[in-house]
C-alpha atoms as a PDB file:
ATOM      1  CA  MET A   1       0.077   0.109   0.262  1.00  0.00           C
ATOM      2  CA  LYS A   2       1.050   3.234  -1.342  1.00  0.00           C
ATOM      3  CA  ARG A   3       1.552   5.918   1.581  1.00  0.00           C
ATOM      4  CA  GLY A   4      -1.195   8.570   1.426  1.00  0.00           C
ATOM      5  CA  ARG A   5      -3.579   6.368  -0.248  1.00  0.00           C
ATOM      6  CA  MET A   6      -7.278   7.268   0.970  1.00  0.00           C
ATOM      7  CA  SER A   7      -9.381   4.818  -1.489  1.00  0.00           C
ATOM      8  CA  LEU A   8     -10.748   1.636   0.196  1.00  0.00           C
ATOM      9  CA  ARG A   9     -12.157   0.617  -3.525  1.00  0.00           C
ATOM     10  CA  GLY A  10     -11.493  -2.635  -4.819  1.00  0.00           C
ATOM     11  CA  CYS A  11     -10.178  -3.668  -1.399  1.00  0.00           C
ATOM     12  CA  GLY A  12     -10.795  -6.470   0.688  1.00  0.00           C
ATOM     13  CA  ILE A  13     -11.432  -5.680   4.443  1.00  0.00           C
ATOM     14  CA  GLY A  14     -11.652  -8.637   7.026  1.00  0.00           C
ATOM     15  CA  LEU A  15     -14.570  -8.674   9.651  1.00  0.00           C
ATOM     16  CA  LEU A  16     -14.009 -10.786  12.711  1.00  0.00           C
ATOM     17  CA  GLY A  17     -15.827 -11.790  15.953  1.00  0.00           C
ATOM     18  CA  CYS A  18     -18.382  -8.719  15.002  1.00  0.00           C
ATOM     19  CA  ASN A  19     -21.903  -9.494  16.190  1.00  0.00           C
ATOM     20  CA  GLU A  20     -24.753 -10.072  13.727  1.00  0.00           C
ATOM     21  CA  GLN A  21     -25.646  -5.994  13.634  1.00  0.00           C
ATOM     22  CA  ASP A  22     -22.239  -4.420  13.683  1.00  0.00           C
ATOM     23  CA  GLY A  23     -21.552  -7.156  10.822  1.00  0.00           C
ATOM     24  CA  ALA A  24     -24.261  -5.837   8.831  1.00  0.00           C
ATOM     25  CA  THR A  25     -23.503  -1.993   9.271  1.00  0.00           C
ATOM     26  CA  LEU A  26     -19.832  -2.687   8.266  1.00  0.00           C
ATOM     27  CA  SER A  27     -20.386  -4.539   5.614  1.00  0.00           C
ATOM     28  CA  ARG A  28     -22.848  -2.320   4.166  1.00  0.00           C
ATOM     29  CA  GLN A  29     -20.605   1.006   4.474  1.00  0.00           C
ATOM     30  CA  LEU A  30     -17.628  -1.209   3.083  1.00  0.00           C
ATOM     31  CA  SER A  31     -19.895  -1.555   0.184  1.00  0.00           C
ATOM     32  CA  ARG A  32     -21.046   2.252  -0.642  1.00  0.00           C
ATOM     33  CA  LEU A  33     -17.129   2.638  -0.236  1.00  0.00           C
ATOM     34  CA  GLY A  34     -16.079   0.438  -3.254  1.00  0.00           C
ATOM     35  CA  ALA A  35     -14.689  -2.095  -0.448  1.00  0.00           C
ATOM     36  CA  VAL A  36     -15.506  -6.227   0.115  1.00  0.00           C
ATOM     37  CA  ALA A  37     -16.202  -7.310   3.276  1.00  0.00           C
ATOM     38  CA  VAL A  38     -15.081 -10.387   4.000  1.00  0.00           C
ATOM     39  CA  THR A  39     -16.075 -12.395   7.088  1.00  0.00           C
ATOM     40  CA  LEU A  40     -13.478 -14.225   9.086  1.00  0.00           C
ATOM     41  CA  THR A  41     -14.295 -17.435  11.471  1.00  0.00           C
ATOM     42  CA  ALA A  42     -10.687 -17.427  12.585  1.00  0.00           C
ATOM     43  CA  ILE A  43      -7.501 -14.916  13.111  1.00  0.00           C
ATOM     44  CA  PRO A  44      -5.445 -15.616   9.372  1.00  0.00           C
ATOM     45  CA  GLU A  45      -2.278 -16.428   9.277  1.00  0.00           C
ATOM     46  CA  THR A  46       0.278 -14.149  10.317  1.00  0.00           C
ATOM     47  CA  GLY A  47       3.017 -15.367   8.068  1.00  0.00           C
ATOM     48  CA  GLN A  48       3.746 -14.634   4.722  1.00  0.00           C
ATOM     49  CA  GLY A  49       0.949 -14.389   2.422  1.00  0.00           C
ATOM     50  CA  GLY A  50      -1.184 -15.973   5.537  1.00  0.00           C
ATOM     51  CA  ALA A  51      -3.093 -12.843   5.374  1.00  0.00           C
ATOM     52  CA  GLY A  52      -4.401 -13.227   1.848  1.00  0.00           C
ATOM     53  CA  ASP A  53      -5.551  -9.930   0.036  1.00  0.00           C
ATOM     54  CA  LEU A  54      -6.699  -8.384   3.196  1.00  0.00           C
ATOM     55  CA  ALA A  55      -6.308  -4.331   3.424  1.00  0.00           C
ATOM     56  CA  ALA A  56      -6.956  -4.628   6.999  1.00  0.00           C
ATOM     57  CA  LEU A  57      -9.439  -6.228   9.510  1.00  0.00           C
ATOM     58  CA  ILE A  58     -11.729  -4.611  11.709  1.00  0.00           C
ATOM     59  CA  LEU A  59     -11.676  -7.203  14.659  1.00  0.00           C
ATOM     60  CA  ASP A  60     -14.239  -6.928  17.745  1.00  0.00           C
ATOM     61  CA  GLY A  61     -12.249  -6.359  20.764  1.00  0.00           C
ATOM     62  CA  ASP A  62     -14.803  -7.727  22.737  1.00  0.00           C
ATOM     63  CA  SER A  63     -14.799 -10.687  21.584  1.00  0.00           C
ATOM     64  CA  GLU A  64     -12.972 -14.215  22.180  1.00  0.00           C
ATOM     65  CA  TYR A  65     -10.524 -13.631  19.375  1.00  0.00           C
ATOM     66  CA  ALA A  66      -9.187 -10.445  20.875  1.00  0.00           C
ATOM     67  CA  ASP A  67      -7.648 -13.356  23.735  1.00  0.00           C
ATOM     68  CA  GLN A  68      -6.014 -15.669  21.544  1.00  0.00           C
ATOM     69  CA  PRO A  69      -2.059 -16.377  21.730  1.00  0.00           C
ATOM     70  CA  SER A  70      -2.297 -15.790  18.322  1.00  0.00           C
ATOM     71  CA  GLY A  71      -3.308 -12.922  17.694  1.00  0.00           C
ATOM     72  CA  ALA A  72      -0.503 -11.383  19.352  1.00  0.00           C
ATOM     73  CA  ASP A  73       1.265 -10.393  16.198  1.00  0.00           C
ATOM     74  CA  LEU A  74      -1.775  -9.633  14.437  1.00  0.00           C
ATOM     75  CA  GLY A  75      -1.339  -6.160  14.236  1.00  0.00           C
ATOM     76  CA  ARG A  76       2.478  -6.367  12.563  1.00  0.00           C
ATOM     77  CA  ALA A  77       0.986  -8.200   9.517  1.00  0.00           C
ATOM     78  CA  LEU A  78      -2.191  -5.703   8.371  1.00  0.00           C
ATOM     79  CA  PRO A  79      -3.934  -2.938   9.689  1.00  0.00           C
ATOM     80  CA  VAL A  80      -6.591  -4.134  12.361  1.00  0.00           C
ATOM     81  CA  VAL A  81      -8.896  -1.907  13.361  1.00  0.00           C
ATOM     82  CA  ALA A  82     -10.818  -2.481  16.727  1.00  0.00           C
ATOM     83  CA  LEU A  83     -14.386  -2.051  17.259  1.00  0.00           C
ATOM     84  CA  LEU A  84     -14.463  -0.798  20.985  1.00  0.00           C
ATOM     85  CA  GLY A  85     -17.287  -1.233  23.149  1.00  0.00           C
ATOM     86  CA  SER A  86     -15.517   0.335  26.149  1.00  0.00           C
ATOM     87  CA  GLU A  87     -13.077   2.253  27.199  1.00  0.00           C
ATOM     88  CA  ALA A  88     -12.605   0.860  30.281  1.00  0.00           C
ATOM     89  CA  PRO A  89      -8.449   0.277  31.203  1.00  0.00           C
ATOM     90  CA  SER A  90      -9.512  -3.896  31.327  1.00  0.00           C
ATOM     91  CA  SER A  91     -11.180  -3.277  27.664  1.00  0.00           C
ATOM     92  CA  LEU A  92      -8.175  -1.305  26.119  1.00  0.00           C
ATOM     93  CA  GLN A  93      -5.851  -3.794  28.023  1.00  0.00           C
ATOM     94  CA  ARG A  94      -7.276  -6.463  25.972  1.00  0.00           C
ATOM     95  CA  VAL A  95      -6.298  -4.980  22.158  1.00  0.00           C
ATOM     96  CA  ALA A  96      -3.666  -3.429  23.114  1.00  0.00           C
ATOM     97  CA  ARG A  97      -1.560  -6.346  22.512  1.00  0.00           C
ATOM     98  CA  LEU A  98      -2.934  -6.637  19.176  1.00  0.00           C
ATOM     99  CA  SER A  99      -0.644  -3.899  18.072  1.00  0.00           C
ATOM    100  CA  ILE A 100      -3.982  -2.169  16.718  1.00  0.00           C
ATOM    101  CA  SER A 101      -3.724   0.965  14.246  1.00  0.00           C
ATOM    102  CA  GLY A 102      -7.068   2.389  14.754  1.00  0.00           C
ATOM    103  CA  TYR A 103     -10.205   1.971  16.539  1.00  0.00           C
ATOM    104  CA  LEU A 104     -14.315   2.304  15.854  1.00  0.00           C
ATOM    105  CA  MET A 105     -16.732   2.518  18.840  1.00  0.00           C
ATOM    106  CA  LYS A 106     -19.940   0.046  18.835  1.00  0.00           C
ATOM    107  CA  PRO A 107     -22.367  -0.182  17.733  1.00  0.00           C
ATOM    108  CA  ALA A 108     -20.575   0.183  14.615  1.00  0.00           C
ATOM    109  CA  ARG A 109     -21.946   3.220  12.221  1.00  0.00           C
ATOM    110  CA  SER A 110     -21.275   4.219   9.044  1.00  0.00           C
ATOM    111  CA  PHE A 111     -20.249   7.368  10.035  1.00  0.00           C
ATOM    112  CA  GLY A 112     -16.052   6.768  11.144  1.00  0.00           C
ATOM    113  CA  VAL A 113     -15.442   3.675   8.871  1.00  0.00           C
ATOM    114  CA  MET A 114     -13.987   5.467   5.924  1.00  0.00           C
ATOM    115  CA  ALA A 115     -11.586   7.508   8.308  1.00  0.00           C
ATOM    116  CA  ALA A 116     -10.086   4.516  10.755  1.00  0.00           C
ATOM    117  CA  LEU A 117      -9.651   2.243   8.054  1.00  0.00           C
ATOM    118  CA  SER A 118      -7.538   5.281   6.157  1.00  0.00           C
ATOM    119  CA  PHE A 119      -5.656   6.596   8.927  1.00  0.00           C
ATOM    120  CA  ALA A 120      -5.185   2.368  10.524  1.00  0.00           C
ATOM    121  CA  ARG A 121      -3.653   1.438   6.873  1.00  0.00           C
ATOM    122  CA  GLN A 122      -1.196   5.044   7.139  1.00  0.00           C
ATOM    123  CA  ASN A 123      -0.367   4.326  10.643  1.00  0.00           C
ATOM    124  CA  PHE A 124       0.621   0.607  10.176  1.00  0.00           C
ATOM    125  CA  VAL A 125       3.035   1.932   6.948  1.00  0.00           C
ATOM    126  CA  ALA A 126       4.503   4.153   9.114  1.00  0.00           C
ATOM    127  CA  ARG A 127       5.032   2.172  11.867  1.00  0.00           C
ATOM    128  CA  ARG A 128       6.441  -0.475   9.260  1.00  0.00           C
ATOM    129  CA  ASP A 129       8.489   1.632   8.112  1.00  0.00           C
ATOM    130  CA  LEU A 130      10.083   3.159  11.082  1.00  0.00           C
ATOM    131  CA  GLU A 131      10.913  -0.691  12.085  1.00  0.00           C
ATOM    132  CA  ALA A 132      12.739  -1.420   9.428  1.00  0.00           C
ATOM    133  CA  LYS A 133      14.631   1.605   9.503  1.00  0.00           C
ATOM    134  CA  ALA A 134      15.593   0.939  13.011  1.00  0.00           C
ATOM    135  CA  ASP A 135      16.878  -2.529  12.127  1.00  0.00           C
ATOM    136  CA  ARG A 136      18.390  -1.379   9.552  1.00  0.00           C
ATOM    137  CA  LEU A 137      20.415   1.273  12.038  1.00  0.00           C
ATOM    138  CA  GLU A 138      20.789  -1.730  14.328  1.00  0.00           C
ATOM    139  CA  GLU A 139      22.543  -3.843  12.000  1.00  0.00           C
ATOM    140  CA  ARG A 140      24.752  -0.843  11.368  1.00  0.00           C
ATOM    141  CA  LEU A 141      25.844  -0.733  15.029  1.00  0.00           C
ATOM    142  CA  ARG A 142      26.392  -4.326  15.461  1.00  0.00           C
ATOM    143  CA  ARG A 143      28.639  -3.802  12.244  1.00  0.00           C
ATOM    144  CA  ARG A 144      30.552  -0.658  13.457  1.00  0.00           C
ATOM    145  CA  ARG A 145      32.753  -3.007  15.692  1.00  0.00           C
ATOM    146  CA  PHE A 146      33.985  -4.467  12.819  1.00  0.00           C
ATOM    147  CA  VAL A 147      35.227  -1.407  11.132  1.00  0.00           C
ATOM    148  CA  VAL A 148      36.772  -0.178  14.729  1.00  0.00           C
ATOM    149  CA  ALA A 149      38.673  -3.642  14.987  1.00  0.00           C
ATOM    150  CA  ALA A 150      39.989  -3.048  11.264  1.00  0.00           C
ATOM    151  CA  GLN A 151      40.731   0.284  11.949  1.00  0.00           C
ATOM    152  CA  LEU A 152      42.839  -0.816  14.865  1.00  0.00           C
ATOM    153  CA  GLY A 153      44.222  -3.866  12.761  1.00  0.00           C
ATOM    154  CA  LEU A 154      45.320  -1.227   9.907  1.00  0.00           C
ATOM    155  CA  MET A 155      46.661   1.277  12.520  1.00  0.00           C
ATOM    156  CA  ARG A 156      49.060  -1.733  14.373  1.00  0.00           C
ATOM    157  CA  GLU A 157      50.127  -2.952  10.653  1.00  0.00           C
ATOM    158  CA  TYR A 158      50.944  -0.186   8.973  1.00  0.00           C
ATOM    159  CA  GLY A 159      51.642   2.723  11.777  1.00  0.00           C
ATOM    160  CA  LEU A 160      48.821   4.797  10.715  1.00  0.00           C
ATOM    161  CA  SER A 161      46.884   7.070  12.570  1.00  0.00           C
ATOM    162  CA  GLU A 162      43.379   6.610  12.926  1.00  0.00           C
ATOM    163  CA  ALA A 163      42.353   9.444  10.443  1.00  0.00           C
ATOM    164  CA  ASP A 164      43.859   7.674   8.124  1.00  0.00           C
ATOM    165  CA  ALA A 165      43.101   3.748   8.809  1.00  0.00           C
ATOM    166  CA  PHE A 166      39.517   5.180   8.285  1.00  0.00           C
ATOM    167  CA  GLU A 167      40.751   6.861   4.957  1.00  0.00           C
ATOM    168  CA  ARG A 168      41.926   3.382   3.917  1.00  0.00           C
ATOM    169  CA  LEU A 169      38.913   1.738   4.824  1.00  0.00           C
ATOM    170  CA  ARG A 170      36.235   4.155   2.840  1.00  0.00           C
ATOM    171  CA  GLY A 171      39.030   4.284  -0.035  1.00  0.00           C
ATOM    172  CA  ALA A 172      38.863   0.994  -0.447  1.00  0.00           C
ATOM    173  CA  ALA A 173      35.217   0.788   0.037  1.00  0.00           C
ATOM    174  CA  MET A 174      34.872   3.196  -2.992  1.00  0.00           C
ATOM    175  CA  GLU A 175      36.925   1.037  -5.245  1.00  0.00           C
ATOM    176  CA  ARG A 176      35.106  -1.888  -4.269  1.00  0.00           C
ATOM    177  CA  ARG A 177      31.710  -0.177  -4.789  1.00  0.00           C
ATOM    178  CA  THR A 178      30.552  -2.298  -1.143  1.00  0.00           C
ATOM    179  CA  THR A 179      30.151  -0.350   2.296  1.00  0.00           C
ATOM    180  CA  ILE A 180      32.763   0.320   4.826  1.00  0.00           C
ATOM    181  CA  GLU A 181      30.994  -1.978   7.394  1.00  0.00           C
ATOM    182  CA  ALA A 182      31.229  -4.625   4.556  1.00  0.00           C
ATOM    183  CA  ILE A 183      34.900  -4.201   3.993  1.00  0.00           C
ATOM    184  CA  SER A 184      35.702  -3.769   7.814  1.00  0.00           C
ATOM    185  CA  VAL A 185      33.807  -7.513   8.167  1.00  0.00           C
ATOM    186  CA  ASP A 186      35.658  -9.392   5.653  1.00  0.00           C
ATOM    187  CA  LEU A 187      38.856  -7.605   6.731  1.00  0.00           C
ATOM    188  CA  VAL A 188      38.326  -8.452  10.494  1.00  0.00           C
ATOM    189  CA  ALA A 189      37.426 -11.737   9.254  1.00  0.00           C
ATOM    190  CA  GLY A 190      40.461 -12.342   7.359  1.00  0.00           C
ATOM    191  CA  ALA A 191      38.416 -12.396   4.018  1.00  0.00           C
ATOM    192  CA  THR A 192      40.244  -9.830   2.122  1.00  0.00           C
ATOM    193  CA  CYS A 193      43.343  -7.557   2.425  1.00  0.00           C
ATOM    194  CA  LEU A 194      44.197  -4.351   2.162  1.00  0.00           C
ATOM    195  CA  PRO A 195      47.522  -3.288   0.241  1.00  0.00           C
ATOM    196  CA  PRO A 196      50.415  -1.409   2.655  1.00  0.00           C
ATOM    197  CA  PRO A 197      49.832   2.524   2.276  1.00  0.00           C
ATOM    198  CA  ARG A 198      51.952   4.104  -0.563  1.00  0.00           C
ATOM    199  CA  ARG A 199      55.107   5.951   1.373  1.00  0.00           C
ATOM    200  CA  SER A 200      55.552   9.098  -0.129  1.00  0.00           C
ATOM    201  CA  GLY A 201      59.490   9.524  -2.001  1.00  0.00           C
ATOM    202  CA  ARG A 202      60.105  12.898  -0.257  1.00  0.00           C
ATOM    203  CA  GLY A 203      61.881  12.424   3.453  1.00  0.00           C
ATOM    204  CA  ARG A 204      61.275  14.905   6.229  1.00  0.00           C
ATOM    205  CA  ARG A 205      63.597  17.741   6.145  1.00  0.00           C
ATOM    206  CA  GLY A 206      66.840  16.483   7.517  1.00  0.00           C
ATOM    207  CA  ASP A 207      66.516  13.092   7.605  1.00  0.00           C
ATOM    208  CA  PRO A 208      69.485  11.433   6.302  1.00  0.00           C
ATOM    209  CA  GLY A 209      68.909   9.155   3.393  1.00  0.00           C
ATOM    210  CA  LEU A 210      65.595  10.357   2.593  1.00  0.00           C
ATOM    211  CA  GLY A 211      66.324  13.240   0.380  1.00  0.00           C
ATOM    212  CA  ALA A 212      68.043  15.787   2.817  1.00  0.00           C
ATOM    213  CA  GLU A 213      71.227  17.028   0.678  1.00  0.00           C
ATOM    214  CA  GLY A 214      74.788  15.896   2.152  1.00  0.00           C
ATOM    215  CA  ASP A 215      77.080  18.117   3.420  1.00  0.00           C
END
């Protein structure tokens, strides 16, 4: 689902645990919005492809499904809108574990369904993107220790400063079209090596044998 898409036309919306009256009201309104109501009798599988073609799920928070262990990761698989009959803390706690993205109050009405589903879908995408970004940052942080280890290795082997060692890593990464983290992992694992740095042909002023003029 693309961020910012508000239309529900052609979308399958699951209804789980809703009583007859709420289910009928929601089905009619979804039909008016161009969506297809899909009445479910069990929590959809949350594995890859398990949610089928559902764009979102409306779950009655007072139903038995809200307490089932298999529903704990439901809100991570697809947008979930909880249908609440009460704002009591115990009722809210029951659905909080489902990682819901929106809610509606009972009895279900036609008003608010579009808004609840649209914002739930946006919240779901935003949360998924944020979690993916956090995973990438965590992976980079994990690999960062290899960068430090590779720097220390170059400093010991070639007598480089910390800054020069990092420049060596960055230059090698650019040459091989990879990341500094990736080449550092290979260096530490011994899967690759870097040639010694080139030494300048000019010596320091006054150093014998390094370009200084004799008396």
